[in-house]
Amino acid sequence: MTEPDFDRMTKDEVIAWFQNTDSLMPVIRSMTAAPTTGAAPEAPMMLVSIRLPVPLVEHLDRLADQAATRRSDIIRDALTRYITACTAPVSRDEAEHALDVLRRIVTNRTTEGHADAA
């Protein structure tokens, strides 16, 4: 008996195969383990639908294949990194640098204002 080709079968053919088969071994043999991504998610998941350009999704799928992971894992990781970067507190060095820049701007404008008045 030949193995069913689930990738080429229509939905109706797959349903008929399952209804008429006595053995699920072809299905079990075709299964592969899902890639492990570490610990289980700590928070409940919510399905979010977005539209992305086709070339971006194709590139994303290639990366997922290379990393032996899922597209969703890559998107989730990228969004987590982005949100973390956007919401991270300002470090003392960053704050001091910003203050230095503001001081220079104020000093330059104040100096320019006195030069115009003279």
C-alpha atoms as a PDB file:
ATOM      1  CA  MET A   1       0.000   0.000   0.000  1.00  0.00           C
ATOM      2  CA  THR A   2       1.392   3.408  -0.945  1.00  0.00           C
ATOM      3  CA  GLU A   3       1.737   6.181   1.604  1.00  0.00           C
ATOM      4  CA  PRO A   4      -0.766   9.041   1.238  1.00  0.00           C
ATOM      5  CA  ASP A   5       0.734  12.296  -0.042  1.00  0.00           C
ATOM      6  CA  PHE A   6      -1.005  14.724   2.296  1.00  0.00           C
ATOM      7  CA  ASP A   7       0.713  17.716   0.684  1.00  0.00           C
ATOM      8  CA  ARG A   8      -0.885  16.951  -2.679  1.00  0.00           C
ATOM      9  CA  MET A   9      -4.237  15.634  -1.480  1.00  0.00           C
ATOM     10  CA  THR A  10      -7.320  17.810  -1.464  1.00  0.00           C
ATOM     11  CA  LYS A  11      -9.127  18.485   1.771  1.00  0.00           C
ATOM     12  CA  ASP A  12     -11.865  16.002   0.803  1.00  0.00           C
ATOM     13  CA  GLU A  13      -9.261  13.326  -0.025  1.00  0.00           C
ATOM     14  CA  VAL A  14      -7.550  13.794   3.343  1.00  0.00           C
ATOM     15  CA  ILE A  15     -10.884  13.537   5.157  1.00  0.00           C
ATOM     16  CA  ALA A  16     -11.809  10.410   3.203  1.00  0.00           C
ATOM     17  CA  TRP A  17      -8.386   8.873   3.951  1.00  0.00           C
ATOM     18  CA  PHE A  18      -8.824   9.446   7.693  1.00  0.00           C
ATOM     19  CA  GLN A  19     -12.352   8.037   7.617  1.00  0.00           C
ATOM     20  CA  ASN A  20     -11.267   4.883   5.779  1.00  0.00           C
ATOM     21  CA  THR A  21      -7.871   4.092   7.299  1.00  0.00           C
ATOM     22  CA  ASP A  22      -7.136   1.506   9.938  1.00  0.00           C
ATOM     23  CA  SER A  23      -3.643   2.791  10.738  1.00  0.00           C
ATOM     24  CA  LEU A  24      -2.323   6.263  11.494  1.00  0.00           C
ATOM     25  CA  MET A  25       1.282   5.157  10.975  1.00  0.00           C
ATOM     26  CA  PRO A  26       1.704   7.166   7.734  1.00  0.00           C
ATOM     27  CA  VAL A  27       0.688  10.287   9.637  1.00  0.00           C
ATOM     28  CA  ILE A  28       2.943   9.484  12.582  1.00  0.00           C
ATOM     29  CA  ARG A  29       5.913   8.752  10.297  1.00  0.00           C
ATOM     30  CA  SER A  30       5.472  12.109   8.542  1.00  0.00           C
ATOM     31  CA  MET A  31       5.440  14.087  11.800  1.00  0.00           C
ATOM     32  CA  THR A  32       8.418  16.086  12.996  1.00  0.00           C
ATOM     33  CA  ALA A  33       8.949  17.571  16.401  1.00  0.00           C
ATOM     34  CA  ALA A  34       8.223  21.260  16.768  1.00  0.00           C
ATOM     35  CA  PRO A  35      11.327  23.360  17.411  1.00  0.00           C
ATOM     36  CA  THR A  36      11.874  24.121  21.047  1.00  0.00           C
ATOM     37  CA  THR A  37      12.032  27.788  21.911  1.00  0.00           C
ATOM     38  CA  GLY A  38      12.933  27.457  25.562  1.00  0.00           C
ATOM     39  CA  ALA A  39      10.475  27.908  28.370  1.00  0.00           C
ATOM     40  CA  ALA A  40       6.757  28.073  27.854  1.00  0.00           C
ATOM     41  CA  PRO A  41       5.353  31.572  27.443  1.00  0.00           C
ATOM     42  CA  GLU A  42       4.836  33.325  30.745  1.00  0.00           C
ATOM     43  CA  ALA A  43       1.829  35.303  29.572  1.00  0.00           C
ATOM     44  CA  PRO A  44      -1.272  34.202  27.682  1.00  0.00           C
ATOM     45  CA  MET A  45      -0.982  34.630  23.931  1.00  0.00           C
ATOM     46  CA  MET A  46      -3.304  36.693  21.745  1.00  0.00           C
ATOM     47  CA  LEU A  47      -3.602  36.283  17.997  1.00  0.00           C
ATOM     48  CA  VAL A  48      -2.756  39.513  16.152  1.00  0.00           C
ATOM     49  CA  SER A  49      -3.138  39.830  12.414  1.00  0.00           C
ATOM     50  CA  ILE A  50      -0.939  42.214  10.420  1.00  0.00           C
ATOM     51  CA  ARG A  51      -0.237  42.823   6.767  1.00  0.00           C
ATOM     52  CA  LEU A  52       3.391  42.710   5.644  1.00  0.00           C
ATOM     53  CA  PRO A  53       4.949  43.158   2.200  1.00  0.00           C
ATOM     54  CA  VAL A  54       5.437  39.835   0.404  1.00  0.00           C
ATOM     55  CA  PRO A  55       9.241  40.242   0.077  1.00  0.00           C
ATOM     56  CA  LEU A  56       9.501  40.842   3.821  1.00  0.00           C
ATOM     57  CA  VAL A  57       7.517  37.690   4.625  1.00  0.00           C
ATOM     58  CA  GLU A  58       9.603  35.668   2.163  1.00  0.00           C
ATOM     59  CA  HIS A  59      12.796  36.924   3.815  1.00  0.00           C
ATOM     60  CA  LEU A  60      11.314  36.205   7.236  1.00  0.00           C
ATOM     61  CA  ASP A  61      10.454  32.640   6.185  1.00  0.00           C
ATOM     62  CA  ARG A  62      14.021  32.062   4.933  1.00  0.00           C
ATOM     63  CA  LEU A  63      15.385  33.285   8.272  1.00  0.00           C
ATOM     64  CA  ALA A  64      12.973  31.045  10.155  1.00  0.00           C
ATOM     65  CA  ASP A  65      14.051  28.031   8.077  1.00  0.00           C
ATOM     66  CA  GLN A  66      17.729  28.805   8.679  1.00  0.00           C
ATOM     67  CA  ALA A  67      17.168  29.179  12.414  1.00  0.00           C
ATOM     68  CA  ALA A  68      14.877  26.127  12.580  1.00  0.00           C
ATOM     69  CA  THR A  69      12.224  28.223  14.256  1.00  0.00           C
ATOM     70  CA  ARG A  70       8.838  29.669  13.437  1.00  0.00           C
ATOM     71  CA  ARG A  71       8.006  32.971  11.804  1.00  0.00           C
ATOM     72  CA  SER A  72       5.975  33.937  14.882  1.00  0.00           C
ATOM     73  CA  ASP A  73       8.969  33.414  17.172  1.00  0.00           C
ATOM     74  CA  ILE A  74      11.111  35.792  15.110  1.00  0.00           C
ATOM     75  CA  ILE A  75       8.380  38.447  14.984  1.00  0.00           C
ATOM     76  CA  ARG A  76       7.709  38.098  18.717  1.00  0.00           C
ATOM     77  CA  ASP A  77      11.434  38.436  19.510  1.00  0.00           C
ATOM     78  CA  ALA A  78      11.825  41.483  17.236  1.00  0.00           C
ATOM     79  CA  LEU A  79       8.801  43.230  18.761  1.00  0.00           C
ATOM     80  CA  THR A  80      10.008  42.468  22.280  1.00  0.00           C
ATOM     81  CA  ARG A  81      13.425  43.976  21.502  1.00  0.00           C
ATOM     82  CA  TYR A  82      11.846  47.040  19.886  1.00  0.00           C
ATOM     83  CA  ILE A  83       9.456  47.695  22.764  1.00  0.00           C
ATOM     84  CA  THR A  84      12.226  47.156  25.298  1.00  0.00           C
ATOM     85  CA  ALA A  85      14.460  49.637  23.475  1.00  0.00           C
ATOM     86  CA  CYS A  86      11.682  52.220  23.212  1.00  0.00           C
ATOM     87  CA  THR A  87      10.610  51.950  26.830  1.00  0.00           C
ATOM     88  CA  ALA A  88      13.956  51.427  28.558  1.00  0.00           C
ATOM     89  CA  PRO A  89      14.759  54.070  31.163  1.00  0.00           C
ATOM     90  CA  VAL A  90      17.326  56.686  30.213  1.00  0.00           C
ATOM     91  CA  SER A  91      20.729  55.926  31.710  1.00  0.00           C
ATOM     92  CA  ARG A  92      22.625  58.535  33.712  1.00  0.00           C
ATOM     93  CA  ASP A  93      25.197  58.889  30.892  1.00  0.00           C
ATOM     94  CA  GLU A  94      22.444  59.450  28.316  1.00  0.00           C
ATOM     95  CA  ALA A  95      20.765  62.039  30.555  1.00  0.00           C
ATOM     96  CA  GLU A  96      24.045  63.893  31.164  1.00  0.00           C
ATOM     97  CA  HIS A  97      24.821  63.882  27.442  1.00  0.00           C
ATOM     98  CA  ALA A  98      21.365  65.288  26.656  1.00  0.00           C
ATOM     99  CA  LEU A  99      21.851  68.022  29.275  1.00  0.00           C
ATOM    100  CA  ASP A 100      25.242  68.925  27.776  1.00  0.00           C
ATOM    101  CA  VAL A 101      23.682  69.247  24.326  1.00  0.00           C
ATOM    102  CA  LEU A 102      20.855  71.409  25.695  1.00  0.00           C
ATOM    103  CA  ARG A 103      23.355  73.630  27.556  1.00  0.00           C
ATOM    104  CA  ARG A 104      25.336  74.168  24.327  1.00  0.00           C
ATOM    105  CA  ILE A 105      22.165  75.038  22.414  1.00  0.00           C
ATOM    106  CA  VAL A 106      21.045  77.523  25.089  1.00  0.00           C
ATOM    107  CA  THR A 107      24.533  79.045  25.306  1.00  0.00           C
ATOM    108  CA  ASN A 108      24.773  79.426  21.501  1.00  0.00           C
ATOM    109  CA  ARG A 109      21.336  81.010  21.230  1.00  0.00           C
ATOM    110  CA  THR A 110      22.026  83.333  24.173  1.00  0.00           C
ATOM    111  CA  THR A 111      25.380  84.362  22.685  1.00  0.00           C
ATOM    112  CA  GLU A 112      23.825  84.899  19.240  1.00  0.00           C
ATOM    113  CA  GLY A 113      21.064  86.976  20.806  1.00  0.00           C
ATOM    114  CA  HIS A 114      23.616  89.307  22.483  1.00  0.00           C
ATOM    115  CA  ALA A 115      25.589  89.618  19.243  1.00  0.00           C
ATOM    116  CA  ASP A 116      22.430  90.700  17.353  1.00  0.00           C
ATOM    117  CA  ALA A 117      21.585  93.282  20.031  1.00  0.00           C
ATOM    118  CA  ALA A 118      25.078  94.905  19.892  1.00  0.00           C
END
